[in-house]
C-alpha atoms as a PDB file:
ATOM      1  CA  MET A   1     -34.077   0.574 -18.275  1.00  0.00           C
ATOM      2  CA  ALA A   2     -33.458   3.047 -15.467  1.00  0.00           C
ATOM      3  CA  ASP A   3     -32.073   1.879 -12.132  1.00  0.00           C
ATOM      4  CA  SER A   4     -33.912   2.473  -8.887  1.00  0.00           C
ATOM      5  CA  ALA A   5     -32.736   2.890  -5.317  1.00  0.00           C
ATOM      6  CA  PRO A   6     -31.842  -0.505  -3.849  1.00  0.00           C
ATOM      7  CA  ASN A   7     -33.331  -1.917  -0.702  1.00  0.00           C
ATOM      8  CA  PRO A   8     -30.880  -2.814   2.115  1.00  0.00           C
ATOM      9  CA  ILE A   9     -29.666  -6.393   1.693  1.00  0.00           C
ATOM     10  CA  THR A  10     -27.259  -8.648   3.497  1.00  0.00           C
ATOM     11  CA  ALA A  11     -23.593  -9.070   2.649  1.00  0.00           C
ATOM     12  CA  ALA A  12     -24.287 -12.644   1.482  1.00  0.00           C
ATOM     13  CA  GLU A  13     -26.981 -11.430  -0.874  1.00  0.00           C
ATOM     14  CA  LEU A  14     -24.651  -8.768  -2.173  1.00  0.00           C
ATOM     15  CA  ALA A  15     -21.978 -11.377  -2.944  1.00  0.00           C
ATOM     16  CA  ASP A  16     -24.500 -13.559  -4.779  1.00  0.00           C
ATOM     17  CA  ARG A  17     -25.742 -10.801  -7.028  1.00  0.00           C
ATOM     18  CA  VAL A  18     -22.407  -9.092  -7.925  1.00  0.00           C
ATOM     19  CA  PRO A  19     -21.495 -10.032 -11.516  1.00  0.00           C
ATOM     20  CA  ASP A  20     -18.094 -11.391 -12.531  1.00  0.00           C
ATOM     21  CA  VAL A  21     -17.662  -8.768 -15.217  1.00  0.00           C
ATOM     22  CA  VAL A  22     -19.043  -5.240 -15.458  1.00  0.00           C
ATOM     23  CA  ILE A  23     -18.919  -3.374 -18.777  1.00  0.00           C
ATOM     24  CA  ILE A  24     -19.028   0.413 -18.495  1.00  0.00           C
ATOM     25  CA  THR A  25     -20.018   2.242 -21.644  1.00  0.00           C
ATOM     26  CA  GLY A  26     -22.145   5.181 -22.775  1.00  0.00           C
ATOM     27  CA  MET A  27     -21.912   8.698 -24.115  1.00  0.00           C
ATOM     28  CA  SER A  28     -18.533  10.379 -24.307  1.00  0.00           C
ATOM     29  CA  GLY A  29     -18.284  12.892 -21.467  1.00  0.00           C
ATOM     30  CA  SER A  30     -20.918  11.141 -19.348  1.00  0.00           C
ATOM     31  CA  GLY A  31     -18.515   9.985 -16.603  1.00  0.00           C
ATOM     32  CA  ARG A  32     -16.992   6.657 -17.649  1.00  0.00           C
ATOM     33  CA  THR A  33     -13.623   7.586 -16.092  1.00  0.00           C
ATOM     34  CA  GLN A  34     -15.236   8.509 -12.747  1.00  0.00           C
ATOM     35  CA  ALA A  35     -17.203   5.260 -12.800  1.00  0.00           C
ATOM     36  CA  MET A  36     -14.001   3.287 -13.371  1.00  0.00           C
ATOM     37  CA  HIS A  37     -12.423   4.926 -10.346  1.00  0.00           C
ATOM     38  CA  VAL A  38     -15.374   3.721  -8.249  1.00  0.00           C
ATOM     39  CA  PHE A  39     -14.806   0.133  -9.358  1.00  0.00           C
ATOM     40  CA  GLU A  40     -11.099   0.457  -8.609  1.00  0.00           C
ATOM     41  CA  ASP A  41     -11.989   1.559  -5.055  1.00  0.00           C
ATOM     42  CA  MET A  42     -14.233  -1.496  -4.770  1.00  0.00           C
ATOM     43  CA  GLY A  43     -11.312  -3.776  -5.585  1.00  0.00           C
ATOM     44  CA  TYR A  44     -12.244  -4.711  -9.132  1.00  0.00           C
ATOM     45  CA  PHE A  45      -9.502  -5.477 -11.663  1.00  0.00           C
ATOM     46  CA  CYS A  46     -10.051  -2.554 -14.047  1.00  0.00           C
ATOM     47  CA  ILE A  47      -9.090  -2.037 -17.708  1.00  0.00           C
ATOM     48  CA  ASP A  48      -9.907   1.047 -19.715  1.00  0.00           C
ATOM     49  CA  ASN A  49     -11.207   0.872 -23.303  1.00  0.00           C
ATOM     50  CA  LEU A  50     -10.926  -2.841 -23.888  1.00  0.00           C
ATOM     51  CA  PRO A  51     -12.223  -4.352 -27.162  1.00  0.00           C
ATOM     52  CA  PRO A  52     -15.049  -6.782 -26.456  1.00  0.00           C
ATOM     53  CA  ARG A  53     -13.314  -9.694 -28.213  1.00  0.00           C
ATOM     54  CA  LEU A  54     -10.723  -9.638 -25.387  1.00  0.00           C
ATOM     55  CA  PHE A  55     -13.197  -9.794 -22.489  1.00  0.00           C
ATOM     56  CA  LEU A  56     -13.105 -13.565 -22.079  1.00  0.00           C
ATOM     57  CA  GLN A  57      -9.328 -13.816 -22.470  1.00  0.00           C
ATOM     58  CA  LEU A  58      -8.750 -11.117 -19.838  1.00  0.00           C
ATOM     59  CA  ALA A  59     -11.335 -12.595 -17.450  1.00  0.00           C
ATOM     60  CA  GLU A  60      -9.537 -15.942 -17.577  1.00  0.00           C
ATOM     61  CA  LEU A  61      -6.135 -14.279 -17.240  1.00  0.00           C
ATOM     62  CA  VAL A  62      -7.021 -12.515 -13.991  1.00  0.00           C
ATOM     63  CA  GLY A  63      -8.718 -15.619 -12.579  1.00  0.00           C
ATOM     64  CA  ILE A  64     -12.360 -14.572 -12.686  1.00  0.00           C
ATOM     65  CA  ASN A  65     -13.386 -18.176 -13.232  1.00  0.00           C
ATOM     66  CA  ALA A  66     -10.917 -19.640 -10.724  1.00  0.00           C
ATOM     67  CA  GLY A  67     -13.103 -19.161  -7.671  1.00  0.00           C
ATOM     68  CA  ILE A  68     -10.811 -16.624  -5.996  1.00  0.00           C
ATOM     69  CA  GLY A  69     -13.501 -13.925  -5.671  1.00  0.00           C
ATOM     70  CA  ARG A  70     -12.079 -11.408  -8.168  1.00  0.00           C
ATOM     71  CA  HIS A  71     -14.256  -9.205 -10.362  1.00  0.00           C
ATOM     72  CA  LEU A  72     -13.458  -7.394 -13.600  1.00  0.00           C
ATOM     73  CA  ALA A  73     -14.620  -3.961 -14.754  1.00  0.00           C
ATOM     74  CA  VAL A  74     -13.891  -2.628 -18.235  1.00  0.00           C
ATOM     75  CA  THR A  75     -14.791   0.542 -20.058  1.00  0.00           C
ATOM     76  CA  CYS A  76     -15.664  -0.014 -23.649  1.00  0.00           C
ATOM     77  CA  ASP A  77     -15.952   2.506 -26.508  1.00  0.00           C
ATOM     78  CA  LEU A  78     -18.714   1.132 -28.701  1.00  0.00           C
ATOM     79  CA  ARG A  79     -19.226   4.024 -31.100  1.00  0.00           C
ATOM     80  CA  SER A  80     -17.780   2.339 -34.193  1.00  0.00           C
ATOM     81  CA  GLN A  81     -20.051   0.372 -36.430  1.00  0.00           C
ATOM     82  CA  GLY A  82     -20.158  -3.362 -35.831  1.00  0.00           C
ATOM     83  CA  LEU A  83     -18.943  -3.350 -32.252  1.00  0.00           C
ATOM     84  CA  PHE A  84     -22.420  -3.909 -30.820  1.00  0.00           C
ATOM     85  CA  ASP A  85     -22.478  -7.380 -32.370  1.00  0.00           C
ATOM     86  CA  GLU A  86     -19.000  -7.948 -30.976  1.00  0.00           C
ATOM     87  CA  LEU A  87     -20.251  -6.971 -27.532  1.00  0.00           C
ATOM     88  CA  GLN A  88     -23.146  -9.408 -27.790  1.00  0.00           C
ATOM     89  CA  ASP A  89     -20.747 -12.153 -28.810  1.00  0.00           C
ATOM     90  CA  ALA A  90     -18.429 -11.324 -25.893  1.00  0.00           C
ATOM     91  CA  ILE A  91     -21.284 -11.476 -23.368  1.00  0.00           C
ATOM     92  CA  LYS A  92     -22.406 -14.830 -24.760  1.00  0.00           C
ATOM     93  CA  ALA A  93     -18.852 -16.190 -24.563  1.00  0.00           C
ATOM     94  CA  LEU A  94     -18.616 -15.155 -20.913  1.00  0.00           C
ATOM     95  CA  ALA A  95     -21.948 -16.866 -20.185  1.00  0.00           C
ATOM     96  CA  ASP A  96     -20.797 -20.031 -21.976  1.00  0.00           C
ATOM     97  CA  HIS A  97     -17.837 -20.094 -19.562  1.00  0.00           C
ATOM     98  CA  GLU A  98     -20.199 -19.605 -16.566  1.00  0.00           C
ATOM     99  CA  MET A  99     -19.179 -15.969 -15.952  1.00  0.00           C
ATOM    100  CA  SER A 100     -21.917 -13.422 -15.292  1.00  0.00           C
ATOM    101  CA  CYS A 101     -21.829  -9.980 -16.905  1.00  0.00           C
ATOM    102  CA  LYS A 102     -23.671  -6.668 -16.568  1.00  0.00           C
ATOM    103  CA  VAL A 103     -23.608  -3.627 -18.824  1.00  0.00           C
ATOM    104  CA  VAL A 104     -23.744  -0.131 -17.317  1.00  0.00           C
ATOM    105  CA  PHE A 105     -24.656   2.668 -19.721  1.00  0.00           C
ATOM    106  CA  LEU A 106     -23.886   6.265 -18.716  1.00  0.00           C
ATOM    107  CA  GLU A 107     -25.589   9.158 -20.435  1.00  0.00           C
ATOM    108  CA  ALA A 108     -26.230  12.882 -20.031  1.00  0.00           C
ATOM    109  CA  SER A 109     -28.310  15.567 -21.742  1.00  0.00           C
ATOM    110  CA  ASP A 110     -26.964  17.352 -24.819  1.00  0.00           C
ATOM    111  CA  GLU A 111     -26.790  20.625 -22.896  1.00  0.00           C
ATOM    112  CA  VAL A 112     -24.677  19.094 -20.117  1.00  0.00           C
ATOM    113  CA  LEU A 113     -22.363  17.252 -22.507  1.00  0.00           C
ATOM    114  CA  ILE A 114     -21.765  20.401 -24.553  1.00  0.00           C
ATOM    115  CA  ARG A 115     -21.003  22.375 -21.374  1.00  0.00           C
ATOM    116  CA  ARG A 116     -18.581  19.699 -20.144  1.00  0.00           C
ATOM    117  CA  TYR A 117     -16.633  19.725 -23.412  1.00  0.00           C
ATOM    118  CA  SER A 118     -16.549  23.509 -23.354  1.00  0.00           C
ATOM    119  CA  GLU A 119     -15.330  23.674 -19.779  1.00  0.00           C
ATOM    120  CA  ASN A 120     -12.666  21.023 -20.380  1.00  0.00           C
ATOM    121  CA  ARG A 121     -11.627  22.639 -23.689  1.00  0.00           C
ATOM    122  CA  ARG A 122     -11.775  19.296 -25.465  1.00  0.00           C
ATOM    123  CA  ARG A 123     -13.198  18.275 -28.788  1.00  0.00           C
ATOM    124  CA  HIS A 124     -15.799  15.578 -28.927  1.00  0.00           C
ATOM    125  CA  PRO A 125     -13.982  12.411 -30.124  1.00  0.00           C
ATOM    126  CA  LEU A 126     -16.475  11.917 -32.958  1.00  0.00           C
ATOM    127  CA  ALA A 127     -16.454  15.543 -34.134  1.00  0.00           C
ATOM    128  CA  MET A 128     -15.227  15.979 -37.702  1.00  0.00           C
ATOM    129  CA  PRO A 129     -13.242  19.104 -38.724  1.00  0.00           C
ATOM    130  CA  GLY A 130     -15.552  22.087 -38.515  1.00  0.00           C
ATOM    131  CA  GLU A 131     -18.444  20.090 -37.069  1.00  0.00           C
ATOM    132  CA  ALA A 132     -20.391  21.415 -34.098  1.00  0.00           C
ATOM    133  CA  THR A 133     -20.225  19.457 -30.832  1.00  0.00           C
ATOM    134  CA  ALA A 134     -24.012  19.110 -30.793  1.00  0.00           C
ATOM    135  CA  ASP A 135     -23.986  17.337 -34.156  1.00  0.00           C
ATOM    136  CA  ALA A 136     -21.275  14.922 -33.003  1.00  0.00           C
ATOM    137  CA  ILE A 137     -23.291  14.136 -29.855  1.00  0.00           C
ATOM    138  CA  GLN A 138     -26.411  13.376 -31.885  1.00  0.00           C
ATOM    139  CA  ARG A 139     -24.486  11.033 -34.194  1.00  0.00           C
ATOM    140  CA  GLU A 140     -23.026   9.239 -31.170  1.00  0.00           C
ATOM    141  CA  ARG A 141     -26.499   8.779 -29.646  1.00  0.00           C
ATOM    142  CA  VAL A 142     -27.665   7.088 -32.844  1.00  0.00           C
ATOM    143  CA  GLN A 143     -24.668   4.763 -32.916  1.00  0.00           C
ATOM    144  CA  LEU A 144     -25.119   3.801 -29.267  1.00  0.00           C
ATOM    145  CA  ARG A 145     -28.911   3.296 -29.362  1.00  0.00           C
ATOM    146  CA  SER A 146     -28.724  -0.500 -29.586  1.00  0.00           C
ATOM    147  CA  VAL A 147     -26.114  -0.645 -26.827  1.00  0.00           C
ATOM    148  CA  ARG A 148     -28.305   1.484 -24.568  1.00  0.00           C
ATOM    149  CA  ASP A 149     -31.277  -0.855 -25.186  1.00  0.00           C
ATOM    150  CA  ARG A 150     -29.121  -3.813 -24.136  1.00  0.00           C
ATOM    151  CA  ALA A 151     -27.835  -2.204 -20.916  1.00  0.00           C
ATOM    152  CA  ASP A 152     -28.715  -3.700 -17.510  1.00  0.00           C
ATOM    153  CA  MET A 153     -28.380  -0.295 -15.805  1.00  0.00           C
ATOM    154  CA  ILE A 154     -28.736   3.210 -17.275  1.00  0.00           C
ATOM    155  CA  ILE A 155     -27.511   6.159 -15.222  1.00  0.00           C
ATOM    156  CA  ASP A 156     -28.119   9.741 -16.288  1.00  0.00           C
ATOM    157  CA  THR A 157     -25.240  11.828 -14.879  1.00  0.00           C
ATOM    158  CA  SER A 158     -26.619  15.210 -16.012  1.00  0.00           C
ATOM    159  CA  ARG A 159     -27.424  16.340 -12.470  1.00  0.00           C
ATOM    160  CA  LEU A 160     -25.615  13.608 -10.572  1.00  0.00           C
ATOM    161  CA  ARG A 161     -22.820  14.507  -8.172  1.00  0.00           C
ATOM    162  CA  THR A 162     -19.780  12.236  -8.250  1.00  0.00           C
ATOM    163  CA  SER A 163     -20.603  11.033  -4.723  1.00  0.00           C
ATOM    164  CA  ALA A 164     -24.122  10.054  -5.844  1.00  0.00           C
ATOM    165  CA  LEU A 165     -22.721   8.148  -8.836  1.00  0.00           C
ATOM    166  CA  ARG A 166     -20.334   6.353  -6.468  1.00  0.00           C
ATOM    167  CA  THR A 167     -23.202   5.407  -4.149  1.00  0.00           C
ATOM    168  CA  ARG A 168     -25.353   3.973  -6.961  1.00  0.00           C
ATOM    169  CA  LEU A 169     -22.532   1.872  -8.355  1.00  0.00           C
ATOM    170  CA  ARG A 170     -21.478   0.663  -4.921  1.00  0.00           C
ATOM    171  CA  HIS A 171     -25.025  -0.392  -4.010  1.00  0.00           C
ATOM    172  CA  ALA A 172     -25.338  -2.283  -7.258  1.00  0.00           C
ATOM    173  CA  PHE A 173     -21.884  -3.876  -7.656  1.00  0.00           C
ATOM    174  CA  SER A 174     -20.168  -4.239  -4.314  1.00  0.00           C
ATOM    175  CA  GLU A 175     -20.315  -7.339  -2.161  1.00  0.00           C
ATOM    176  CA  LEU A 176     -19.387  -5.262   0.900  1.00  0.00           C
ATOM    177  CA  THR A 177     -21.676  -3.340   3.208  1.00  0.00           C
ATOM    178  CA  ASP A 178     -21.649   0.468   3.145  1.00  0.00           C
ATOM    179  CA  GLN A 179     -19.409   0.591   6.270  1.00  0.00           C
ATOM    180  CA  GLN A 180     -16.934  -1.897   4.844  1.00  0.00           C
ATOM    181  CA  LEU A 181     -16.543   0.089   1.635  1.00  0.00           C
ATOM    182  CA  MET A 182     -14.801   2.912   3.504  1.00  0.00           C
ATOM    183  CA  ASP A 183     -11.240   2.254   4.619  1.00  0.00           C
ATOM    184  CA  VAL A 184     -10.778   3.801   8.052  1.00  0.00           C
ATOM    185  CA  HIS A 185      -7.208   4.409   9.208  1.00  0.00           C
ATOM    186  CA  VAL A 186      -6.794   5.170  12.907  1.00  0.00           C
ATOM    187  CA  PHE A 187      -3.322   6.300  14.009  1.00  0.00           C
ATOM    188  CA  SER A 188      -1.636   7.779  17.033  1.00  0.00           C
ATOM    189  CA  PHE A 189       0.993  10.522  16.933  1.00  0.00           C
ATOM    190  CA  GLY A 190       2.974  12.831  19.218  1.00  0.00           C
ATOM    191  CA  PHE A 191       2.481  16.592  18.939  1.00  0.00           C
ATOM    192  CA  LYS A 192       6.133  17.202  19.667  1.00  0.00           C
ATOM    193  CA  HIS A 193       7.009  15.312  16.469  1.00  0.00           C
ATOM    194  CA  GLY A 194       4.758  17.434  14.306  1.00  0.00           C
ATOM    195  CA  MET A 195       1.074  17.674  13.383  1.00  0.00           C
ATOM    196  CA  PRO A 196      -0.244  15.088  10.905  1.00  0.00           C
ATOM    197  CA  VAL A 197      -1.202  16.572   7.531  1.00  0.00           C
ATOM    198  CA  GLU A 198      -3.270  13.628   6.314  1.00  0.00           C
ATOM    199  CA  ALA A 199      -5.887  13.512   9.091  1.00  0.00           C
ATOM    200  CA  ASP A 200      -9.587  13.969   8.333  1.00  0.00           C
ATOM    201  CA  ILE A 201     -10.432  13.922  12.047  1.00  0.00           C
ATOM    202  CA  MET A 202      -7.942  14.772  14.797  1.00  0.00           C
ATOM    203  CA  ILE A 203      -8.415  14.582  18.554  1.00  0.00           C
ATOM    204  CA  ASP A 204      -6.010  15.822  21.267  1.00  0.00           C
ATOM    205  CA  VAL A 205      -5.903  13.557  24.357  1.00  0.00           C
ATOM    206  CA  ARG A 206      -3.162  15.399  26.263  1.00  0.00           C
ATOM    207  CA  PHE A 207      -5.761  16.303  28.910  1.00  0.00           C
ATOM    208  CA  LEU A 208      -5.976  12.658  30.082  1.00  0.00           C
ATOM    209  CA  PRO A 209      -3.942  11.328  33.047  1.00  0.00           C
ATOM    210  CA  ASN A 210      -0.379  10.641  31.902  1.00  0.00           C
ATOM    211  CA  PRO A 211       1.328   7.287  32.652  1.00  0.00           C
ATOM    212  CA  PHE A 212       4.709   8.968  32.032  1.00  0.00           C
ATOM    213  CA  TYR A 213       4.807  10.186  35.585  1.00  0.00           C
ATOM    214  CA  ASP A 214       4.761   6.615  36.917  1.00  0.00           C
ATOM    215  CA  PRO A 215       8.413   5.433  36.817  1.00  0.00           C
ATOM    216  CA  GLU A 216       7.323   1.830  36.099  1.00  0.00           C
ATOM    217  CA  MET A 217       5.223   2.825  33.055  1.00  0.00           C
ATOM    218  CA  ARG A 218       7.480   5.555  31.744  1.00  0.00           C
ATOM    219  CA  THR A 219       9.383   3.237  29.450  1.00  0.00           C
ATOM    220  CA  MET A 220       6.280   1.257  28.427  1.00  0.00           C
ATOM    221  CA  THR A 221       3.845   2.140  25.653  1.00  0.00           C
ATOM    222  CA  GLY A 222       0.078   2.253  25.194  1.00  0.00           C
ATOM    223  CA  LEU A 223       0.231  -1.258  23.797  1.00  0.00           C
ATOM    224  CA  ASP A 224       1.302  -2.612  27.220  1.00  0.00           C
ATOM    225  CA  GLU A 225      -1.620  -3.842  29.286  1.00  0.00           C
ATOM    226  CA  LYS A 226      -0.543  -1.902  32.370  1.00  0.00           C
ATOM    227  CA  VAL A 227      -0.443   1.398  30.492  1.00  0.00           C
ATOM    228  CA  SER A 228      -3.613   0.693  28.583  1.00  0.00           C
ATOM    229  CA  GLY A 229      -5.462  -0.153  31.789  1.00  0.00           C
ATOM    230  CA  PHE A 230      -4.161   2.991  33.479  1.00  0.00           C
ATOM    231  CA  VAL A 231      -5.444   5.178  30.637  1.00  0.00           C
ATOM    232  CA  LEU A 232      -8.706   3.489  29.782  1.00  0.00           C
ATOM    233  CA  ASP A 233      -9.897   2.676  33.287  1.00  0.00           C
ATOM    234  CA  ASN A 234      -9.578   6.223  34.517  1.00  0.00           C
ATOM    235  CA  PRO A 235     -12.996   7.854  35.129  1.00  0.00           C
ATOM    236  CA  LYS A 236     -11.981  10.923  33.098  1.00  0.00           C
ATOM    237  CA  THR A 237     -11.090   8.672  30.144  1.00  0.00           C
ATOM    238  CA  ARG A 238     -14.374   6.732  30.434  1.00  0.00           C
ATOM    239  CA  GLU A 239     -16.295   9.986  30.295  1.00  0.00           C
ATOM    240  CA  PHE A 240     -14.265  11.118  27.289  1.00  0.00           C
ATOM    241  CA  LEU A 241     -14.690   7.828  25.418  1.00  0.00           C
ATOM    242  CA  GLU A 242     -18.434   7.897  25.883  1.00  0.00           C
ATOM    243  CA  ALA A 243     -18.568  11.339  24.277  1.00  0.00           C
ATOM    244  CA  TRP A 244     -15.955  10.391  21.649  1.00  0.00           C
ATOM    245  CA  TYR A 245     -17.937   7.359  20.557  1.00  0.00           C
ATOM    246  CA  ARG A 246     -21.142   9.414  20.336  1.00  0.00           C
ATOM    247  CA  LEU A 247     -19.315  11.821  18.056  1.00  0.00           C
ATOM    248  CA  LEU A 248     -18.115   8.968  15.835  1.00  0.00           C
ATOM    249  CA  ASP A 249     -21.623   7.553  15.720  1.00  0.00           C
ATOM    250  CA  ALA A 250     -22.850  10.934  14.497  1.00  0.00           C
ATOM    251  CA  VAL A 251     -20.238  11.650  11.825  1.00  0.00           C
ATOM    252  CA  MET A 252     -19.247   8.243  10.435  1.00  0.00           C
ATOM    253  CA  PRO A 253     -22.582   7.576   8.673  1.00  0.00           C
ATOM    254  CA  GLY A 254     -22.259  10.933   6.953  1.00  0.00           C
ATOM    255  CA  TYR A 255     -18.862  10.038   5.542  1.00  0.00           C
ATOM    256  CA  VAL A 256     -20.279   6.709   4.363  1.00  0.00           C
ATOM    257  CA  ALA A 257     -23.258   8.426   2.722  1.00  0.00           C
ATOM    258  CA  GLU A 258     -20.900  10.787   0.876  1.00  0.00           C
ATOM    259  CA  GLY A 259     -19.093   7.747  -0.528  1.00  0.00           C
ATOM    260  CA  LYS A 260     -15.776   8.711   0.995  1.00  0.00           C
ATOM    261  CA  PRO A 261     -13.349   5.878   0.110  1.00  0.00           C
ATOM    262  CA  GLN A 262     -10.823   6.594   2.885  1.00  0.00           C
ATOM    263  CA  LEU A 263     -10.967   8.277   6.271  1.00  0.00           C
ATOM    264  CA  SER A 264      -8.030   9.023   8.555  1.00  0.00           C
ATOM    265  CA  ILE A 265      -8.507   9.529  12.289  1.00  0.00           C
ATOM    266  CA  ALA A 266      -5.525  10.918  14.148  1.00  0.00           C
ATOM    267  CA  ILE A 267      -5.223  10.771  17.961  1.00  0.00           C
ATOM    268  CA  GLY A 268      -2.412  12.764  19.553  1.00  0.00           C
ATOM    269  CA  CYS A 269      -0.671  13.125  22.882  1.00  0.00           C
ATOM    270  CA  THR A 270       2.676  14.744  23.690  1.00  0.00           C
ATOM    271  CA  GLY A 271       5.067  12.089  22.438  1.00  0.00           C
ATOM    272  CA  GLY A 272       2.823   9.499  20.814  1.00  0.00           C
ATOM    273  CA  GLN A 273       3.813   6.755  23.244  1.00  0.00           C
ATOM    274  CA  HIS A 274       1.222   6.278  25.972  1.00  0.00           C
ATOM    275  CA  ARG A 275      -2.203   7.966  25.896  1.00  0.00           C
ATOM    276  CA  SER A 276      -2.665   8.404  22.130  1.00  0.00           C
ATOM    277  CA  VAL A 277      -1.672   4.779  21.515  1.00  0.00           C
ATOM    278  CA  ALA A 278      -4.137   3.419  24.057  1.00  0.00           C
ATOM    279  CA  ILE A 279      -6.972   5.627  22.814  1.00  0.00           C
ATOM    280  CA  ALA A 280      -6.229   4.793  19.159  1.00  0.00           C
ATOM    281  CA  GLU A 281      -6.403   1.083  19.934  1.00  0.00           C
ATOM    282  CA  ALA A 282      -9.718   1.550  21.752  1.00  0.00           C
ATOM    283  CA  THR A 283     -11.107   3.637  18.896  1.00  0.00           C
ATOM    284  CA  ALA A 284     -10.137   1.054  16.287  1.00  0.00           C
ATOM    285  CA  ARG A 285     -11.797  -1.726  18.292  1.00  0.00           C
ATOM    286  CA  TYR A 286     -14.959   0.329  18.641  1.00  0.00           C
ATOM    287  CA  LEU A 287     -15.186   1.034  14.911  1.00  0.00           C
ATOM    288  CA  GLU A 288     -14.536  -2.607  14.071  1.00  0.00           C
ATOM    289  CA  ARG A 289     -17.512  -3.534  16.250  1.00  0.00           C
ATOM    290  CA  GLN A 290     -19.563  -1.143  14.105  1.00  0.00           C
ATOM    291  CA  GLN A 291     -18.517  -3.171  11.034  1.00  0.00           C
ATOM    292  CA  TYR A 292     -16.101  -0.633   9.591  1.00  0.00           C
ATOM    293  CA  HIS A 293     -12.980  -1.771   7.742  1.00  0.00           C
ATOM    294  CA  VAL A 294     -10.266  -0.474  10.036  1.00  0.00           C
ATOM    295  CA  SER A 295      -6.471  -0.371  10.003  1.00  0.00           C
ATOM    296  CA  ILE A 296      -4.322   1.043  12.812  1.00  0.00           C
ATOM    297  CA  SER A 297      -0.820   2.365  13.114  1.00  0.00           C
ATOM    298  CA  HIS A 298       1.264   4.326  15.581  1.00  0.00           C
ATOM    299  CA  ARG A 299       3.292   6.958  13.784  1.00  0.00           C
ATOM    300  CA  ASP A 300       5.719   7.922  16.529  1.00  0.00           C
ATOM    301  CA  LEU A 301       5.962   4.709  18.532  1.00  0.00           C
ATOM    302  CA  PRO A 302       9.417   3.931  17.068  1.00  0.00           C
ATOM    303  CA  ARG A 303      10.583   7.161  18.758  1.00  0.00           C
ATOM    304  CA  ALA A 304       9.200   6.078  22.127  1.00  0.00           C
ATOM    305  CA  ASN A 305      11.255   7.093  25.148  1.00  0.00           C
ATOM    306  CA  ARG A 306      12.717   3.876  26.593  1.00  0.00           C
ATOM    307  CA  THR A 307      14.714   5.455  29.347  1.00  0.00           C
ATOM    308  CA  ALA A 308      13.617   6.760  32.725  1.00  0.00           C
ATOM    309  CA  THR A 309      14.277  10.349  31.775  1.00  0.00           C
ATOM    310  CA  GLY A 310      12.798  12.673  29.174  1.00  0.00           C
ATOM    311  CA  GLU A 311       9.814  14.921  28.752  1.00  0.00           C
ATOM    312  CA  ALA A 312       6.228  13.844  29.392  1.00  0.00           C
ATOM    313  CA  HIS A 313       4.558  11.711  26.743  1.00  0.00           C
END
């Protein structure tokens, strides 16, 4: 059966429908490894190429049935004769122990599979000496026919970008909302300590009024209420934040739609002590209100100037 685009549902409904165990199988070269990476990003306990007879044992080992909210994803190579019956037995055993299970079958056209093997300079795992890749693919399709018929979701990856595969699997198997699936890291830094290399978005706030020039605030940081109030309550800062939040509102949904698992937002001032810290904190709070999963850090705060002298921060 082919999957269809899901309708928006609540986080509670997502949690109710997400199975305890997801089995990823299908044609060799159809994207099982990429699919497994998606489940890893969603927080599943992932095992590659696990024999079906070990499903129940592993599920119990990692506490799937212990009520701690964990989920298991396994890739399974079912090309050998007899393993389909073993898969059916494994699914029944999971059900007998009150664990739900779904089978995802990945496939692609012969033409695409042949091209992928050619581009990767790999032999098809079923190909016998001297056998054409096309013949090995056909034999694999026959062996997997019963598995495909049993699958709960079939995804054809022939013309599917990796980001689109990620989106389909996330919609079907994550108990988090789209925003929560992306880890957003907001951090402050000081330009005088070097530009950050890991930032996806970077903003320079050195144009804002600087608390450094107030002797009382010079040794404080943007985490101090007095400094934070000085920065955030300034009319120039308010104007900037209004525009900054509009920009975030415009770009963040695009990153989510692309299935980006992590996003780093860097906010810099001269020394990474006053303005960047206050703006980073305000930015993190704003994104949290938009239901994003946010972490925050201050790269150069340990180097903060704690004396009454030094260059402007």
